[in-house]
Amino acid sequence: MNATEARLIIFDTNAVNLLPPSGLRADIIRKLRQSGHHKVAVPWMVMEELVAHRTKHYPDKYRAVVNTLAKLREALPWELKSSLEPIDLNRLVAHWRSEYEEVFEVIETSGGAARKALAREAMALPPAKATKERSEGGRDAAVWFSILEYLEENPDEEVCFVTNNTKDFGDGTTYPYPMNEDVRGLEGRLTRLTDFDAVVSKFTKEVSGRDAEAAAEELLRSLSVRDRVSRTAVEVLSSPVGFVGLDTAKASVQWRQWLASPEAELLSIADVLGHEIEGSVWYTANTRWLLHGVAIDGDDEDVRYVSCIWEMKILFSANGGDEAPTLLTPGEPVLPDPDDARCMEIIQKLKARASRAQRVLRNQLAHSSGERLIADSIAGALPTLDVAGVMARSVADLFPTLTATDLLGQGVIEHIRASLPTLDIATTLNQTAVDHLVAGLPKPDLSGLLPQLDLSHLVPKIDYSHLFPQTTIDQIAAAALAGGIQSPAEDDDNDAAVLDVDDSSDPETGPNRATDPETDR
């Protein structure tokens, strides 16, 4: 494998024990992973040990606090109002597992590997061992067999195992029995490093942060990064206790969460540190952002515009690629300094930007809401017409002693029903029925639906006469009995010839009839 191909770096517990997820070592691991040249992982057993080392003392400490509170209650002549939340080990375990899974991939330990590890411990064979009282080392054996399984399942990859436990795992060049048999055939793909510093020396080269400050300034002020910071603020800044900020009168106020994505502007960049990883340079920097937007405070949902300063570490590449910056270790928002002229100037800029965005949104909502309400009002005002039912009733009126089926046959009835959806509604009604229908339509009052908007210029007057050509029901029935109505798919021209009746000579019912403004609204 050449130097540019991906390899897997697997850490033993002793190399990353109590690793701070927000520290420099974790940042370097993230850079190694995001460079695309390497994968960084821990076996499942190592992940469990990392989590255990962060959580195993919690029950004892909890019991100590409970005992202290009990002793304090005994010493007080009044009731102690202080209370302690219930113990929740699962919550703490989930927290630390989530923190470490964001840093490392996890190599799973199969059931077969676990059984072999327990058998190896029972026999006290390396990497397990015997003590005066018992055999131990089953967890080390589980790590060992997890690595071997990965190599067997990924024959094209190399693994670099990072551990300072040379006593149990060997020095990386020779292995004790039976580990030498375990690794036979895999020796050329398994290498060893002793600690984290060896990883940094082998896979990275520290570069001056000053070389990237100009590129960082341009990148972190870009619209895409500002949007990313803004979206992250909505996702992570929520607290029942609340945060502090400045309102529009520059007074300190409490707020608990953003109502919408705030405007974001970069205030400063500091502590830029870079590492070159096989040609790719990755940097971390501490940044300060000014946020301005609509926030909510408390159960009463008191809404107000708030400005605050938000600090966070960011991992980014200055190589000009498409790699998105990673937002690391965000802090709590703090109060802007009202005496800082530059800060106040940026707040005014963000206010103006937010105001423009609000106007655009309001116009879009008004336009879309107006269209929707108009459509809903018209749809609600128009009654649902049963075209087939009208036809059936009309035929029944013409021939009271016979049913439509008797006259036409079920096949013809179904044929008529299939063709009706392609016809204008008016082809089933005479002009008198049309006039009654139009006169009976309710007049939608849109002012009640949109009290704050003048939509008169948006609502055209609807001329229903163009929707109802003047074919009479007698002509429809006669054509049906004569077999003249055909499916549009069968004969569109014949359909038009049968149904097209020229009523232009009738001044009351023809297409040149003067429209009534009240009827045609």
Protein backbone atom coordinates (compact mmCIF):
# COMPACT_ATOMS: atom_id res chain seq x y z
CA MET A 1 0.00 0.00 0.00
CA ASN A 2 1.38 3.41 -0.92
CA ALA A 3 1.40 6.44 1.36
CA THR A 4 -1.66 8.05 -0.19
CA GLU A 5 -4.01 5.09 0.30
CA ALA A 6 -6.27 4.84 3.32
CA ARG A 7 -5.11 2.84 6.32
CA LEU A 8 -6.68 2.09 9.64
CA ILE A 9 -5.13 3.41 12.84
CA ILE A 10 -6.45 1.44 15.83
CA PHE A 11 -5.88 2.80 19.33
CA ASP A 12 -5.58 0.70 22.46
CA THR A 13 -7.10 2.11 25.64
CA ASN A 14 -3.75 3.13 27.14
CA ALA A 15 -3.02 5.42 24.15
CA VAL A 16 -6.24 7.47 24.41
CA ASN A 17 -7.41 6.89 27.99
CA LEU A 18 -9.38 9.87 29.38
CA LEU A 19 -8.94 11.65 26.04
CA PRO A 20 -10.72 15.04 26.22
CA PRO A 21 -13.10 15.06 23.21
CA SER A 22 -12.52 18.81 22.84
CA GLY A 23 -8.73 18.70 23.21
CA LEU A 24 -5.87 18.94 20.74
CA ARG A 25 -5.36 15.17 20.44
CA ALA A 26 -9.00 14.65 19.54
CA ASP A 27 -8.71 17.46 16.96
CA ILE A 28 -5.73 15.73 15.35
CA ILE A 29 -7.71 12.48 15.17
CA ARG A 30 -10.54 14.37 13.46
CA LYS A 31 -8.05 15.85 10.99
CA LEU A 32 -6.65 12.40 10.23
CA ARG A 33 -10.15 11.09 9.58
CA GLN A 34 -11.31 14.04 7.50
CA SER A 35 -8.15 14.12 5.41
CA GLY A 36 -9.43 11.03 3.60
CA HIS A 37 -6.04 9.31 3.87
CA HIS A 38 -6.69 7.42 7.09
CA LYS A 39 -9.37 5.85 9.19
CA VAL A 40 -9.09 6.05 12.98
CA ALA A 41 -10.87 3.56 15.19
CA VAL A 42 -11.00 1.75 18.50
CA PRO A 43 -12.21 -1.82 19.03
CA TRP A 44 -15.57 -2.19 20.76
CA MET A 45 -13.81 -3.29 23.94
CA VAL A 46 -11.68 -0.13 23.98
CA MET A 47 -14.78 2.04 23.54
CA GLU A 48 -16.37 0.33 26.53
CA GLU A 49 -13.23 0.91 28.60
CA LEU A 50 -13.07 4.60 27.62
CA VAL A 51 -16.69 5.04 28.68
CA ALA A 52 -16.18 3.02 31.87
CA HIS A 53 -13.21 5.12 32.95
CA ARG A 54 -15.40 8.23 32.65
CA THR A 55 -18.42 6.78 34.46
CA LYS A 56 -17.43 4.01 36.87
CA HIS A 57 -16.92 6.33 39.87
CA TYR A 58 -20.30 8.02 39.45
CA PRO A 59 -22.35 5.59 41.65
CA ASP A 60 -19.83 5.87 44.51
CA LYS A 61 -19.75 9.65 44.30
CA TYR A 62 -23.54 9.75 44.18
CA ARG A 63 -23.81 7.60 47.32
CA ALA A 64 -21.27 9.84 49.05
CA VAL A 65 -23.40 12.91 48.36
CA VAL A 66 -26.54 11.11 49.58
CA ASN A 67 -24.75 10.19 52.82
CA THR A 68 -23.52 13.76 53.25
CA LEU A 69 -27.04 15.12 52.82
CA ALA A 70 -28.32 12.60 55.38
CA LYS A 71 -25.71 13.71 57.89
CA LEU A 72 -26.57 17.36 57.23
CA ARG A 73 -30.28 16.69 57.84
CA GLU A 74 -29.40 15.09 61.17
CA ALA A 75 -27.50 18.21 62.21
CA LEU A 76 -30.24 20.70 61.25
CA PRO A 77 -33.27 21.59 63.43
CA TRP A 78 -35.27 22.40 60.28
CA GLU A 79 -36.10 20.49 57.14
CA LEU A 80 -33.41 20.59 54.49
CA LYS A 81 -34.92 21.81 51.24
CA SER A 82 -31.98 20.76 49.08
CA SER A 83 -32.60 17.70 46.92
CA LEU A 84 -30.61 15.46 44.63
CA GLU A 85 -31.79 14.22 41.25
CA PRO A 86 -32.15 10.41 40.96
CA ILE A 87 -29.06 8.49 39.98
CA ASP A 88 -28.92 7.92 36.21
CA LEU A 89 -25.88 5.90 35.18
CA ASN A 90 -27.32 5.08 31.75
CA ARG A 91 -27.57 8.76 30.91
CA LEU A 92 -23.92 9.36 31.80
CA VAL A 93 -22.80 6.30 29.84
CA ALA A 94 -24.78 7.44 26.79
CA HIS A 95 -23.21 10.90 27.02
CA TRP A 96 -19.62 9.69 26.99
CA ARG A 97 -20.26 7.05 24.36
CA SER A 98 -21.71 9.71 22.10
CA GLU A 99 -18.71 11.98 22.75
CA TYR A 100 -16.18 9.31 21.85
CA GLU A 101 -18.09 7.92 18.88
CA GLU A 102 -17.86 11.39 17.36
CA VAL A 103 -14.05 11.09 17.54
CA PHE A 104 -13.49 7.40 16.69
CA GLU A 105 -14.95 4.77 14.45
CA VAL A 106 -15.71 1.55 16.29
CA ILE A 107 -14.45 -1.87 15.20
CA GLU A 108 -17.07 -4.36 16.34
CA THR A 109 -16.12 -7.47 18.30
CA SER A 110 -17.94 -10.52 16.98
CA GLY A 111 -19.30 -13.28 19.16
CA GLY A 112 -16.62 -15.58 17.82
CA ALA A 113 -13.85 -13.16 18.78
CA ALA A 114 -15.35 -12.77 22.26
CA ARG A 115 -15.49 -16.54 22.80
CA LYS A 116 -11.90 -16.98 21.66
CA ALA A 117 -10.84 -14.17 24.01
CA LEU A 118 -12.51 -15.83 27.00
CA ALA A 119 -10.97 -19.18 26.11
CA ARG A 120 -7.54 -17.52 25.82
CA GLU A 121 -7.99 -15.95 29.27
CA ALA A 122 -9.05 -19.28 30.77
CA MET A 123 -5.84 -20.80 29.47
CA ALA A 124 -3.81 -17.76 30.65
CA LEU A 125 -2.21 -17.53 27.20
CA PRO A 126 -1.01 -14.20 25.62
CA PRO A 127 -2.25 -11.64 25.37
CA ALA A 128 -3.98 -12.89 28.54
CA LYS A 129 -1.86 -13.92 31.51
CA ALA A 130 -1.92 -15.63 34.88
CA THR A 131 -1.60 -13.92 38.26
CA LYS A 132 -1.13 -15.54 41.67
CA GLU A 133 -4.86 -15.75 42.23
CA ARG A 134 -6.46 -15.98 38.77
CA SER A 135 -6.14 -15.57 35.04
CA GLU A 136 -6.84 -12.14 33.51
CA GLY A 137 -6.52 -10.31 30.22
CA GLY A 138 -9.76 -11.31 28.51
CA ARG A 139 -10.33 -7.73 27.42
CA ASP A 140 -6.84 -7.51 25.87
CA ALA A 141 -7.53 -10.77 24.07
CA ALA A 142 -10.84 -9.37 22.77
CA VAL A 143 -8.98 -6.34 21.37
CA TRP A 144 -6.41 -8.63 19.75
CA PHE A 145 -8.93 -10.90 18.05
CA SER A 146 -10.97 -7.87 16.88
CA ILE A 147 -7.89 -6.56 15.05
CA LEU A 148 -7.19 -9.94 13.47
CA GLU A 149 -10.81 -10.28 12.33
CA TYR A 150 -10.65 -6.84 10.70
CA LEU A 151 -7.46 -7.77 8.80
CA GLU A 152 -9.02 -11.03 7.59
CA GLU A 153 -12.23 -9.29 6.45
CA ASN A 154 -10.35 -6.42 4.72
CA PRO A 155 -7.47 -8.08 2.87
CA ASP A 156 -6.46 -4.89 1.01
CA GLU A 157 -5.96 -2.75 4.11
CA GLU A 158 -3.14 -2.15 6.54
CA VAL A 159 -3.56 -1.64 10.27
CA CYS A 160 -1.39 0.41 12.58
CA PHE A 161 -2.02 -0.66 16.18
CA VAL A 162 -1.15 2.00 18.77
CA THR A 163 -0.43 0.62 22.26
CA ASN A 164 2.33 0.90 24.86
CA ASN A 165 1.44 -2.53 26.32
CA THR A 166 4.46 -4.29 24.90
CA LYS A 167 4.41 -6.83 27.73
CA ASP A 168 1.10 -8.35 26.62
CA PHE A 169 1.01 -7.47 22.90
CA GLY A 170 4.68 -7.82 22.03
CA ASP A 171 6.96 -5.21 20.46
CA GLY A 172 5.42 -5.36 17.01
CA THR A 173 8.21 -7.38 15.41
CA THR A 174 8.04 -10.60 17.44
CA TYR A 175 5.02 -12.12 19.19
CA PRO A 176 4.88 -14.74 21.99
CA TYR A 177 3.12 -18.05 21.46
CA PRO A 178 0.31 -18.45 20.47
CA MET A 179 0.07 -14.87 19.13
CA ASN A 180 2.78 -15.65 16.60
CA GLU A 181 0.46 -18.28 15.11
CA ASP A 182 -2.53 -15.90 15.27
CA VAL A 183 -0.75 -13.34 13.13
CA ARG A 184 0.88 -15.71 10.64
CA GLY A 185 0.32 -14.43 7.12
CA LEU A 186 -0.72 -10.98 8.36
CA GLU A 187 2.66 -9.71 9.58
CA GLY A 188 3.27 -7.38 6.62
CA ARG A 189 -0.06 -5.63 7.12
CA LEU A 190 0.13 -5.07 10.88
CA THR A 191 2.49 -2.44 12.30
CA ARG A 192 2.88 -1.00 15.78
CA LEU A 193 3.30 2.45 17.34
CA THR A 194 3.73 2.95 21.08
CA ASP A 195 1.79 6.15 21.84
CA PHE A 196 -0.14 9.11 20.50
CA ASP A 197 2.97 11.26 19.98
CA ALA A 198 4.33 8.58 17.66
CA VAL A 199 1.14 8.86 15.61
CA VAL A 200 1.53 12.64 15.33
CA SER A 201 5.18 12.28 14.30
CA LYS A 202 4.45 9.60 11.68
CA PHE A 203 1.26 10.89 10.09
CA THR A 204 1.28 14.69 10.54
CA LYS A 205 3.56 17.69 10.22
CA GLU A 206 2.80 20.80 12.26
CA VAL A 207 2.64 23.99 10.22
CA SER A 208 2.40 27.62 11.20
CA GLY A 209 -1.11 28.89 11.74
CA ARG A 210 -0.08 32.31 10.41
CA ASP A 211 0.14 30.85 6.90
CA ALA A 212 -3.56 30.05 6.96
CA GLU A 213 -5.01 33.13 8.69
CA ALA A 214 -5.88 34.92 5.46
CA ALA A 215 -7.50 31.81 3.98
CA ALA A 216 -9.30 31.15 7.26
CA GLU A 217 -10.64 34.71 7.33
CA GLU A 218 -12.10 34.33 3.82
CA LEU A 219 -13.50 30.86 4.45
CA LEU A 220 -15.09 31.55 7.82
CA ARG A 221 -16.73 34.76 6.62
CA SER A 222 -18.35 33.00 3.66
CA LEU A 223 -22.13 32.70 3.44
CA SER A 224 -22.02 28.88 3.63
CA VAL A 225 -20.11 28.90 6.93
CA ARG A 226 -22.33 31.64 8.39
CA ASP A 227 -25.38 29.58 7.48
CA ARG A 228 -23.82 26.49 9.09
CA VAL A 229 -23.13 28.40 12.31
CA SER A 230 -26.67 29.80 12.25
CA ARG A 231 -28.29 26.36 11.82
CA THR A 232 -26.09 24.88 14.54
CA ALA A 233 -27.12 27.66 16.92
CA VAL A 234 -30.78 26.66 16.53
CA GLU A 235 -29.93 22.98 17.08
CA VAL A 236 -27.72 23.27 20.18
CA LEU A 237 -28.62 26.52 21.93
CA SER A 238 -31.61 25.56 24.04
CA SER A 239 -31.65 25.65 27.83
CA PRO A 240 -34.34 25.56 30.53
CA VAL A 241 -32.09 27.83 32.59
CA GLY A 242 -31.61 30.32 29.77
CA PHE A 243 -28.87 32.49 28.28
CA VAL A 244 -28.11 36.20 28.38
CA GLY A 245 -28.28 38.65 25.52
CA LEU A 246 -28.98 42.25 24.53
CA ASP A 247 -32.41 43.33 23.34
CA THR A 248 -33.02 46.10 20.81
CA ALA A 249 -32.79 48.71 23.61
CA LYS A 250 -29.32 47.36 24.57
CA ALA A 251 -30.67 46.02 27.86
CA SER A 252 -29.62 42.64 29.25
CA VAL A 253 -32.36 40.02 28.85
CA GLN A 254 -32.83 36.30 29.37
CA TRP A 255 -33.68 33.93 26.50
CA ARG A 256 -33.93 30.16 26.21
CA GLN A 257 -33.92 29.23 22.53
CA TRP A 258 -33.99 30.68 19.04
CA LEU A 259 -37.35 30.91 17.34
CA ALA A 260 -35.64 30.87 13.92
CA SER A 261 -32.09 30.74 12.57
CA PRO A 262 -30.29 33.90 13.73
CA GLU A 263 -28.04 36.08 11.61
CA ALA A 264 -24.36 35.27 12.23
CA GLU A 265 -21.23 37.37 11.75
CA LEU A 266 -17.62 36.41 12.52
CA LEU A 267 -16.04 38.66 15.16
CA SER A 268 -12.55 37.17 15.52
CA ILE A 269 -10.25 34.21 14.81
CA ALA A 270 -7.51 33.14 17.22
CA ASP A 271 -5.12 30.27 18.01
CA VAL A 272 -4.96 28.93 14.47
CA LEU A 273 -3.04 25.64 14.52
CA GLY A 274 -2.39 23.44 11.51
CA HIS A 275 -1.19 19.94 10.70
CA GLU A 276 -0.22 18.70 7.27
CA ILE A 277 -1.48 15.19 6.66
CA GLU A 278 0.04 13.70 3.51
CA GLY A 279 -0.32 16.90 1.50
CA SER A 280 -3.58 18.10 3.07
CA VAL A 281 -3.39 20.92 5.63
CA TRP A 282 -6.05 20.99 8.31
CA TYR A 283 -6.46 23.74 10.87
CA THR A 284 -8.25 24.37 14.10
CA ALA A 285 -9.11 27.87 15.29
CA ASN A 286 -10.99 29.50 18.14
CA THR A 287 -13.69 31.77 16.75
CA ARG A 288 -16.14 34.33 18.16
CA TRP A 289 -19.48 34.90 16.45
CA LEU A 290 -22.09 37.61 16.92
CA LEU A 291 -25.63 36.23 16.65
CA HIS A 292 -28.81 38.30 16.21
CA GLY A 293 -32.30 36.93 15.84
CA VAL A 294 -35.71 36.21 17.33
CA ALA A 295 -35.59 34.26 20.60
CA ILE A 296 -38.14 32.93 23.11
CA ASP A 297 -37.91 33.21 26.87
CA GLY A 298 -39.92 31.08 29.30
CA ASP A 299 -43.23 29.30 29.17
CA ASP A 300 -45.07 32.49 28.28
CA GLU A 301 -43.18 32.48 24.97
CA ASP A 302 -42.07 36.07 25.31
CA VAL A 303 -40.62 36.77 21.87
CA ARG A 304 -37.92 39.38 21.36
CA TYR A 305 -34.91 40.19 19.20
CA VAL A 306 -31.69 39.19 20.97
CA SER A 307 -27.98 39.67 20.25
CA CYS A 308 -25.24 37.55 21.85
CA ILE A 309 -21.64 36.41 21.36
CA TRP A 310 -20.96 32.72 20.77
CA GLU A 311 -17.48 31.17 20.94
CA MET A 312 -16.47 27.83 19.42
CA LYS A 313 -13.54 25.91 17.99
CA ILE A 314 -13.71 25.11 14.27
CA LEU A 315 -11.85 22.45 12.29
CA PHE A 316 -11.38 23.38 8.64
CA SER A 317 -9.20 22.88 5.56
CA ALA A 318 -7.48 25.73 3.78
CA ASN A 319 -6.77 23.69 0.64
CA GLY A 320 -9.56 25.23 -1.39
CA GLY A 321 -11.54 22.00 -1.54
CA ASP A 322 -15.18 21.30 -0.78
CA GLU A 323 -14.59 20.07 2.78
CA ALA A 324 -17.15 21.66 5.09
CA PRO A 325 -15.80 23.06 8.37
CA THR A 326 -16.57 21.05 11.48
CA LEU A 327 -17.91 23.02 14.44
CA LEU A 328 -16.25 21.79 17.64
CA THR A 329 -16.82 22.48 21.34
CA PRO A 330 -19.27 25.39 21.21
CA GLY A 331 -19.49 27.41 24.43
CA GLU A 332 -22.40 29.21 26.07
CA PRO A 333 -23.55 32.53 24.60
CA VAL A 334 -22.31 35.61 26.46
CA LEU A 335 -23.41 39.23 26.62
CA PRO A 336 -22.03 41.65 24.00
CA ASP A 337 -20.32 44.76 25.37
CA PRO A 338 -22.56 47.78 24.72
CA ASP A 339 -19.46 50.02 24.88
CA ASP A 340 -17.72 48.08 22.10
CA ALA A 341 -18.32 50.33 19.10
CA ARG A 342 -17.35 47.68 16.55
CA CYS A 343 -19.64 45.13 18.16
CA MET A 344 -22.57 47.55 18.18
CA GLU A 345 -21.89 48.44 14.55
CA ILE A 346 -22.06 44.76 13.57
CA ILE A 347 -25.29 44.35 15.56
CA GLN A 348 -26.84 47.20 13.54
CA LYS A 349 -25.67 45.48 10.36
CA LEU A 350 -27.28 42.20 11.46
CA LYS A 351 -30.49 44.01 12.40
CA ALA A 352 -30.70 45.46 8.91
CA ARG A 353 -30.01 42.07 7.35
CA ALA A 354 -32.66 40.42 9.53
CA SER A 355 -35.15 43.17 8.66
CA ARG A 356 -34.62 42.61 4.93
CA ALA A 357 -35.03 38.87 5.34
CA GLN A 358 -38.22 39.43 7.35
CA ARG A 359 -39.71 41.65 4.64
CA VAL A 360 -38.97 39.08 1.95
CA LEU A 361 -40.49 36.30 4.07
CA ARG A 362 -43.56 38.37 4.88
CA ASN A 363 -44.15 39.14 1.20
CA GLN A 364 -43.73 35.50 0.25
CA LEU A 365 -46.12 34.36 2.97
CA ALA A 366 -48.68 37.00 2.03
CA HIS A 367 -48.53 35.99 -1.64
CA SER A 368 -48.76 32.25 -1.02
CA SER A 369 -51.40 32.63 1.72
CA GLY A 370 -53.47 34.92 -0.50
CA GLU A 371 -53.44 32.44 -3.35
CA ARG A 372 -54.34 29.56 -1.04
CA LEU A 373 -57.17 31.42 0.68
CA ILE A 374 -58.64 32.57 -2.63
CA ALA A 375 -58.57 29.00 -3.97
CA ASP A 376 -60.10 27.63 -0.76
CA SER A 377 -62.83 30.27 -0.75
CA ILE A 378 -63.83 29.67 -4.35
CA ALA A 379 -63.74 25.90 -3.86
CA GLY A 380 -65.93 26.25 -0.77
CA ALA A 381 -68.38 28.49 -2.59
CA LEU A 382 -68.89 26.15 -5.56
CA PRO A 383 -71.27 23.27 -4.86
CA THR A 384 -70.29 19.76 -5.89
CA LEU A 385 -72.24 18.75 -9.00
CA ASP A 386 -73.28 15.14 -9.60
CA VAL A 387 -73.14 15.19 -13.41
CA ALA A 388 -74.15 11.56 -13.80
CA GLY A 389 -76.99 12.03 -11.36
CA VAL A 390 -78.33 15.04 -13.26
CA MET A 391 -78.26 13.03 -16.48
CA ALA A 392 -80.06 10.07 -14.89
CA ARG A 393 -82.76 12.27 -13.34
CA SER A 394 -83.28 14.14 -16.62
CA VAL A 395 -83.73 10.95 -18.59
CA ALA A 396 -86.11 9.61 -15.92
CA ASP A 397 -88.22 12.81 -16.17
CA LEU A 398 -88.49 12.40 -19.95
CA PHE A 399 -89.54 8.76 -19.66
CA PRO A 400 -91.33 8.36 -16.29
CA THR A 401 -92.43 4.78 -16.91
CA LEU A 402 -88.99 3.46 -17.85
CA THR A 403 -85.62 3.44 -16.15
CA ALA A 404 -82.47 4.66 -17.87
CA THR A 405 -81.22 1.08 -17.97
CA ASP A 406 -84.40 -0.06 -19.70
CA LEU A 407 -83.98 2.61 -22.38
CA LEU A 408 -80.27 2.51 -23.01
CA GLY A 409 -78.95 -0.70 -21.51
CA GLN A 410 -76.33 -0.87 -18.78
CA GLY A 411 -73.48 -0.73 -21.30
CA VAL A 412 -74.73 2.55 -22.79
CA ILE A 413 -75.22 4.05 -19.33
CA GLU A 414 -71.65 3.17 -18.36
CA HIS A 415 -70.46 4.56 -21.71
CA ILE A 416 -72.22 7.85 -20.98
CA ARG A 417 -70.74 7.99 -17.47
CA ALA A 418 -67.24 7.37 -18.89
CA SER A 419 -67.61 10.20 -21.39
CA LEU A 420 -69.21 12.75 -19.05
CA PRO A 421 -65.99 13.84 -17.26
CA THR A 422 -64.71 15.24 -20.58
CA LEU A 423 -67.83 17.39 -21.08
CA ASP A 424 -68.55 20.88 -19.83
CA ILE A 425 -70.92 20.93 -16.87
CA ALA A 426 -73.33 23.06 -18.83
CA THR A 427 -73.93 20.27 -21.36
CA THR A 428 -76.16 18.63 -18.74
CA LEU A 429 -78.16 21.78 -17.91
CA ASN A 430 -80.37 24.22 -19.77
CA GLN A 431 -79.91 27.97 -19.41
CA THR A 432 -82.61 28.33 -16.76
CA ALA A 433 -80.81 25.78 -14.57
CA VAL A 434 -77.55 27.66 -15.14
CA ASP A 435 -79.09 30.94 -14.05
CA HIS A 436 -80.51 29.33 -10.90
CA LEU A 437 -77.17 27.72 -10.11
CA VAL A 438 -75.19 30.93 -10.55
CA ALA A 439 -77.68 32.97 -8.58
CA GLY A 440 -77.50 30.43 -5.77
CA LEU A 441 -73.73 30.49 -5.46
CA PRO A 442 -72.59 32.14 -2.20
CA LYS A 443 -70.49 35.26 -2.61
CA PRO A 444 -67.10 34.61 -0.96
CA ASP A 445 -66.14 37.44 1.37
CA LEU A 446 -62.32 37.38 1.30
CA SER A 447 -62.00 40.41 3.57
CA GLY A 448 -62.90 38.22 6.53
CA LEU A 449 -60.23 35.71 5.58
CA LEU A 450 -57.47 38.24 5.00
CA PRO A 451 -58.24 41.23 7.20
CA GLN A 452 -54.70 42.66 6.88
CA LEU A 453 -54.35 42.43 3.09
CA ASP A 454 -56.02 44.21 0.18
CA LEU A 455 -56.54 41.39 -2.30
CA SER A 456 -59.11 43.09 -4.50
CA HIS A 457 -56.58 43.42 -7.30
CA LEU A 458 -55.82 39.68 -7.07
CA VAL A 459 -59.41 38.41 -7.33
CA PRO A 460 -60.71 38.45 -10.93
CA LYS A 461 -64.42 38.55 -11.58
CA ILE A 462 -65.46 35.08 -12.69
CA ASP A 463 -67.73 34.91 -15.74
CA TYR A 464 -69.63 31.65 -15.29
CA SER A 465 -71.36 32.03 -18.63
CA HIS A 466 -68.20 30.96 -20.42
CA LEU A 467 -68.21 27.79 -18.30
CA PHE A 468 -71.73 26.73 -19.37
CA PRO A 469 -72.39 26.47 -23.18
CA GLN A 470 -76.05 26.49 -24.01
CA THR A 471 -76.84 22.89 -25.03
CA THR A 472 -80.20 21.83 -23.57
CA ILE A 473 -81.01 18.65 -21.70
CA ASP A 474 -83.47 17.70 -24.44
CA GLN A 475 -80.67 17.72 -26.99
CA ILE A 476 -78.44 15.64 -24.68
CA ALA A 477 -81.17 13.02 -24.16
CA ALA A 478 -81.98 12.86 -27.86
CA ALA A 479 -78.35 12.42 -28.77
CA ALA A 480 -77.94 9.70 -26.15
CA LEU A 481 -80.97 7.76 -27.41
CA ALA A 482 -79.72 8.02 -30.96
CA GLY A 483 -76.33 6.60 -29.93
CA GLY A 484 -74.63 9.87 -30.84
CA ILE A 485 -72.55 10.30 -27.63
CA GLN A 486 -69.23 8.54 -28.02
CA SER A 487 -66.07 8.35 -25.99
CA PRO A 488 -63.56 11.11 -26.82
CA ALA A 489 -61.04 8.38 -27.44
CA GLU A 490 -63.34 6.87 -30.09
CA ASP A 491 -64.49 9.94 -32.02
CA ASP A 492 -63.66 13.45 -30.81
CA ASP A 493 -64.94 15.05 -34.00
CA ASN A 494 -68.31 13.27 -33.85
CA ASP A 495 -68.66 14.24 -30.15
CA ALA A 496 -68.09 17.85 -31.00
CA ALA A 497 -70.54 17.71 -33.91
CA VAL A 498 -73.33 16.27 -31.80
CA LEU A 499 -72.87 18.62 -28.86
CA ASP A 500 -71.97 21.86 -30.63
CA VAL A 501 -75.23 23.85 -30.89
CA ASP A 502 -75.19 27.42 -32.16
CA ASP A 503 -77.26 29.63 -29.82
CA SER A 504 -75.68 32.89 -30.95
CA SER A 505 -78.98 34.01 -32.46
CA ASP A 506 -80.65 34.07 -29.03
CA PRO A 507 -79.81 37.39 -27.31
CA GLU A 508 -80.73 35.96 -23.90
CA THR A 509 -78.81 32.68 -24.03
CA GLY A 510 -76.15 33.15 -26.72
CA PRO A 511 -72.43 33.71 -26.06
CA ASN A 512 -72.82 37.46 -26.70
CA ARG A 513 -75.22 37.83 -23.75
CA ALA A 514 -74.31 40.83 -21.56
CA THR A 515 -72.87 39.70 -18.26
CA ASP A 516 -74.41 40.60 -14.92
CA PRO A 517 -71.69 41.90 -12.52
CA GLU A 518 -73.44 40.43 -9.49
CA THR A 519 -73.98 37.02 -11.09
CA ASP A 520 -70.48 36.82 -12.58
CA ARG A 521 -68.53 37.76 -9.44
